[in-house]
Protein backbone atom coordinates (compact mmCIF):
# COMPACT_ATOMS: atom_id res chain seq x y z
CA UNK A 1 127.91 131.79 83.85
CA UNK A 2 126.49 131.18 87.19
CA UNK A 3 122.71 131.58 87.16
CA UNK A 4 120.27 131.99 90.29
CA UNK A 5 117.26 130.45 88.40
CA UNK A 6 114.98 131.65 91.50
CA UNK A 7 115.66 134.74 93.61
CA UNK A 8 112.95 137.04 95.14
CA UNK A 9 115.19 140.06 94.87
CA UNK A 10 111.99 142.30 94.73
CA UNK A 11 111.20 141.10 98.31
CA UNK A 12 111.04 143.58 101.13
CA UNK A 13 113.82 141.65 103.04
CA UNK A 14 116.31 143.45 100.57
CA UNK A 15 114.76 146.73 100.74
CA UNK A 16 117.63 148.18 103.14
CA UNK A 17 120.62 146.87 101.03
CA UNK A 18 119.45 145.75 97.69
CA UNK A 19 122.33 147.32 95.65
CA UNK A 20 124.94 145.60 98.11
CA UNK A 21 123.15 142.38 97.81
CA UNK A 22 123.69 142.49 94.14
CA UNK A 23 127.14 143.86 94.22
CA UNK A 24 128.08 140.78 96.74
CA UNK A 25 126.32 138.24 94.23
CA UNK A 26 128.36 139.70 91.19
CA UNK A 27 131.53 139.59 93.37
CA UNK A 28 130.65 135.80 94.19
CA UNK A 29 130.70 135.21 90.39
CA UNK A 30 126.68 135.13 90.09
CA UNK A 31 126.14 136.29 86.33
CA UNK A 32 122.34 136.45 86.48
CA UNK A 33 119.13 136.24 88.77
CA UNK A 34 115.76 135.29 87.73
CA UNK A 35 113.08 137.15 89.63
CA UNK A 36 109.57 135.85 89.86
CA UNK A 37 106.85 137.94 90.85
CA UNK A 38 104.31 136.23 93.03
CA UNK A 39 101.30 138.96 92.85
CA UNK A 40 99.88 141.75 90.96
CA UNK A 41 101.33 144.01 93.59
CA UNK A 42 104.59 142.76 93.07
CA UNK A 43 104.70 143.15 89.16
CA UNK A 44 106.07 146.86 89.42
CA UNK A 45 108.82 145.85 91.82
CA UNK A 46 109.85 142.95 89.74
CA UNK A 47 110.01 144.94 86.67
CA UNK A 48 112.06 147.57 88.66
CA UNK A 49 114.83 144.67 89.19
CA UNK A 50 115.02 144.18 85.40
CA UNK A 51 115.35 147.88 84.86
CA UNK A 52 117.92 148.65 87.73
CA UNK A 53 120.02 145.50 87.65
CA UNK A 54 119.24 143.75 84.20
CA UNK A 55 117.48 140.83 85.97
CA UNK A 56 115.73 138.44 84.19
CA UNK A 57 112.00 138.74 85.20
CA UNK A 58 108.99 136.68 85.07
CA UNK A 59 105.36 137.46 86.34
CA UNK A 60 102.75 135.14 87.88
CA UNK A 61 100.35 134.81 90.91
CA UNK A 62 101.71 132.44 93.42
CA UNK A 63 99.44 129.95 95.13
CA UNK A 64 100.09 131.02 98.81
CA UNK A 65 98.46 134.36 97.91
CA UNK A 66 95.41 132.87 96.26
CA UNK A 67 93.09 135.02 98.65
CA UNK A 68 94.07 138.06 97.23
CA UNK A 69 94.26 137.13 93.55
CA UNK A 70 91.28 138.59 91.38
CA UNK A 71 90.11 138.22 87.84
CA UNK A 72 91.48 141.60 87.07
CA UNK A 73 94.89 140.42 88.28
CA UNK A 74 94.84 137.75 85.64
CA UNK A 75 94.04 140.40 83.04
CA UNK A 76 96.95 142.51 84.35
CA UNK A 77 99.14 139.53 83.95
CA UNK A 78 98.29 139.23 80.62
CA UNK A 79 99.33 142.80 79.94
CA UNK A 80 102.85 142.44 81.50
CA UNK A 81 103.41 139.04 79.69
CA UNK A 82 102.64 140.63 76.33
CA UNK A 83 104.72 144.16 77.04
CA UNK A 84 107.17 143.66 79.68
CA UNK A 85 110.05 141.27 78.31
CA UNK A 86 109.23 138.08 80.67
CA UNK A 87 111.23 135.26 80.26
CA UNK A 88 108.40 133.17 82.08
CA UNK A 89 105.21 133.01 83.51
CA UNK A 90 105.72 132.51 87.49
CA UNK A 91 105.98 131.89 90.01
CA UNK A 92 102.55 129.79 89.67
CA UNK A 93 101.59 126.54 90.87
CA UNK A 94 99.91 124.79 93.53
CA UNK A 95 100.41 124.39 97.27
CA UNK A 96 98.77 121.53 99.25
CA UNK A 97 101.01 122.08 102.26
CA UNK A 98 99.97 125.36 103.74
CA UNK A 99 96.42 124.88 105.68
CA UNK A 100 93.56 127.03 104.90
CA UNK A 101 94.24 127.69 101.25
CA UNK A 102 91.30 127.27 98.92
CA UNK A 103 92.05 124.23 96.72
CA UNK A 104 89.54 125.04 94.04
CA UNK A 105 90.65 128.57 93.77
CA UNK A 106 94.11 127.60 93.47
CA UNK A 107 93.33 125.14 90.62
CA UNK A 108 91.59 127.78 88.90
CA UNK A 109 94.05 130.61 89.16
CA UNK A 110 96.74 128.14 87.93
CA UNK A 111 94.88 126.97 85.12
CA UNK A 112 94.17 130.51 83.88
CA UNK A 113 97.83 131.19 84.02
CA UNK A 114 98.82 128.04 82.27
CA UNK A 115 96.30 129.21 79.33
CA UNK A 116 98.03 132.32 79.44
CA UNK A 117 101.49 131.08 78.94
CA UNK A 118 100.34 128.62 76.16
CA UNK A 119 98.82 131.54 74.39
CA UNK A 120 101.92 133.64 74.81
CA UNK A 121 104.35 130.76 74.20
CA UNK A 122 106.45 131.41 77.35
CA UNK A 123 107.87 128.78 79.94
CA UNK A 124 106.50 128.47 83.53
CA UNK A 125 108.20 128.48 86.90
CA UNK A 126 106.03 126.22 88.88
CA UNK A 127 105.58 126.02 92.61
CA UNK A 128 105.08 122.25 93.58
CA UNK A 129 104.82 121.86 97.36
CA UNK A 130 102.94 118.77 97.98
CA UNK A 131 101.28 119.15 94.60
CA UNK A 132 103.64 117.47 92.02
CA UNK A 133 100.82 115.00 90.67
CA UNK A 134 98.30 117.50 90.39
CA UNK A 135 100.70 120.08 88.87
CA UNK A 136 101.81 117.49 86.28
CA UNK A 137 98.18 116.70 85.56
CA UNK A 138 97.38 120.33 84.45
CA UNK A 139 100.56 120.69 82.52
CA UNK A 140 99.87 117.51 80.41
CA UNK A 141 96.59 119.28 79.68
CA UNK A 142 97.71 122.62 78.82
CA UNK A 143 101.11 121.54 77.23
CA UNK A 144 102.95 124.78 77.97
CA UNK A 145 106.75 125.44 76.60
CA UNK A 146 108.27 123.58 79.47
CA UNK A 147 109.78 125.47 82.46
CA UNK A 148 111.11 125.11 85.72
CA UNK A 149 109.86 122.77 88.70
CA UNK A 150 110.98 125.15 91.45
CA UNK A 151 112.26 123.57 94.57
CA UNK A 152 111.93 120.00 93.34
CA UNK A 153 111.43 117.57 96.26
CA UNK A 154 109.46 114.69 94.58
CA UNK A 155 110.01 111.11 93.57
CA UNK A 156 112.47 109.82 90.70
CA UNK A 157 109.06 108.86 88.92
CA UNK A 158 107.91 112.52 89.05
CA UNK A 159 111.00 113.99 87.98
CA UNK A 160 111.09 111.77 85.05
CA UNK A 161 107.35 113.22 84.15
CA UNK A 162 108.49 116.61 84.47
CA UNK A 163 111.57 116.13 82.12
CA UNK A 164 109.26 114.30 79.66
CA UNK A 165 107.35 117.55 79.73
CA UNK A 166 110.47 119.61 79.00
CA UNK A 167 110.94 120.85 82.55
CA UNK A 168 114.30 121.45 84.42
CA UNK A 169 114.14 120.68 88.03
CA UNK A 170 115.32 123.28 90.49
CA UNK A 171 117.68 122.56 93.34
CA UNK A 172 119.02 124.91 96.16
CA UNK A 173 119.24 125.33 99.79
CA UNK A 174 117.32 121.94 100.82
CA UNK A 175 119.91 120.02 99.07
CA UNK A 176 122.67 121.31 101.46
CA UNK A 177 121.17 119.56 104.68
CA UNK A 178 122.80 116.18 105.32
CA UNK A 179 119.22 114.83 106.22
CA UNK A 180 117.59 115.73 103.08
CA UNK A 181 118.51 112.29 101.63
CA UNK A 182 115.97 112.04 99.09
CA UNK A 183 116.85 115.40 97.39
CA UNK A 184 120.44 114.70 97.75
CA UNK A 185 120.14 111.41 96.18
CA UNK A 186 118.16 112.88 93.08
CA UNK A 187 120.82 115.57 92.85
CA UNK A 188 123.38 113.03 92.76
CA UNK A 189 121.81 110.53 90.36
CA UNK A 190 119.57 112.66 87.91
CA UNK A 191 121.11 113.69 84.47
CA UNK A 192 123.07 116.75 84.96
CA UNK A 193 120.97 118.28 82.19
CA UNK A 194 117.90 118.02 84.04
CA UNK A 195 119.06 120.37 86.73
CA UNK A 196 119.29 124.23 87.41
CA UNK A 197 120.61 125.77 90.54
CA UNK A 198 118.42 128.40 92.78
CA UNK A 199 118.62 130.28 96.16
CA UNK A 200 114.73 131.20 96.62
CA UNK A 201 116.40 134.22 98.54
CA UNK A 202 115.65 135.49 100.91
CA UNK A 203 114.09 131.97 101.89
CA UNK A 204 115.28 128.69 101.76
CA UNK A 205 118.39 129.27 103.82
CA UNK A 206 121.12 126.59 103.07
CA UNK A 207 122.79 124.69 105.94
CA UNK A 208 125.22 127.30 106.91
CA UNK A 209 122.55 129.81 107.46
CA UNK A 210 120.26 127.73 109.37
CA UNK A 211 120.71 129.31 112.62
CA UNK A 212 118.91 129.68 114.97
CA UNK A 213 117.91 132.31 114.05
CA UNK A 214 118.00 131.42 110.50
CA UNK A 215 120.05 133.65 108.31
CA UNK A 216 118.80 135.67 105.47
CA UNK A 217 119.18 133.80 102.07
CA UNK A 218 120.85 135.81 99.32
CA UNK A 219 122.11 135.11 95.66
CA UNK A 220 125.76 135.08 96.53
CA UNK A 221 125.41 131.97 98.38
CA UNK A 222 125.08 130.18 94.98
CA UNK A 223 128.49 129.66 94.52
CA UNK A 224 128.47 127.13 97.81
CA UNK A 225 125.10 125.67 96.83
CA UNK A 226 126.90 124.77 93.26
CA UNK A 227 129.87 123.24 95.21
CA UNK A 228 127.56 120.71 96.98
CA UNK A 229 125.84 119.84 94.23
CA UNK A 230 129.32 119.21 92.38
CA UNK A 231 130.67 117.26 95.67
CA UNK A 232 127.28 114.89 95.40
CA UNK A 233 127.76 114.16 91.93
CA UNK A 234 131.87 113.76 92.09
CA UNK A 235 132.34 116.31 89.31
CA UNK A 236 134.32 119.81 89.44
CA UNK A 237 132.09 122.87 90.58
CA UNK A 238 133.03 124.43 86.84
CA UNK A 239 131.15 121.41 85.39
CA UNK A 240 128.11 121.99 87.42
CA UNK A 241 128.33 125.82 86.59
CA UNK A 242 128.63 125.61 83.07
CA UNK A 243 125.89 122.78 82.83
CA UNK A 244 123.31 124.59 85.00
CA UNK A 245 123.69 127.79 83.34
CA UNK A 246 123.14 126.07 79.89
CA UNK A 247 120.04 124.39 81.20
CA UNK A 248 118.41 127.41 82.73
CA UNK A 249 118.93 129.35 79.17
CA UNK A 250 117.75 126.23 77.30
CA UNK A 251 114.48 126.52 78.96
CA UNK A 252 114.22 130.29 79.66
CA UNK A 253 116.14 131.62 76.52
CA UNK A 254 119.36 133.83 76.75
CA UNK A 255 119.26 135.71 80.03
CA UNK A 256 121.96 138.33 79.65
CA UNK A 257 123.98 139.85 82.40
CA UNK A 258 123.52 141.37 85.73
CA UNK A 259 124.82 144.77 85.52
CA UNK A 260 125.85 147.42 88.07
CA UNK A 261 126.12 150.47 86.15
CA UNK A 262 123.37 152.24 87.88
CA UNK A 263 124.43 151.30 91.31
CA UNK A 264 125.36 154.33 93.71
CA UNK A 265 123.02 156.64 91.90
CA UNK A 266 119.61 156.24 93.79
CA UNK A 267 120.57 155.13 97.25
CA UNK A 268 119.97 151.74 98.50
CA UNK A 269 116.45 150.82 96.85
């Protein structure tokens, strides 16, 4: 199995051709997509990805949308986690890169979601941009059941701390750029059992889609991303595919298969 552990298939960038995107992913050998919701407004669309294509789905309140998150959205999240076959709580976390975000509110929403994850015994998918140490602090406090550190770009020491807490580390498009020396070094040197593959589609385009203008990332790019990881590590791509799929399921549980039996029945959406 080739598993994309982080793909926003529910994003509006795919509204015009979502069926075709999934079909292309399947032709490329991608067996499953993990679709993390980012706000209460996207919960229903994320659920639709599970219903239509068999995607694995997570529900969470993303730090970039902190200004729109309300306490009732946390209650709604709790309902979805209890009733909608979630594989994780996500995408949640902290973002200290984008200016103007309310840090105190980010922390409060993140902690509330970690408490939910602990209460329902689900792993978490965490956004950690410029916030690795703060995220680690809260993970040590709430002791959730592991998860995935999405788009990992921290130090080796920080990587080891996530691993101690039962996390896998997500590597994707950033690893494909020759200038991303720290990320590429980590991808080459970390234990293979620490790594999961991801596209973050439609974002985080790999080097071959960089543009200008940048192309839309999609899950059918995952085999080329896997090939980059294999080259960096000096192993076969089959080894990388098998290991990263096993890693994703070790932390998220059995993920099932993408399915195409509903395609062509309801247009492109």
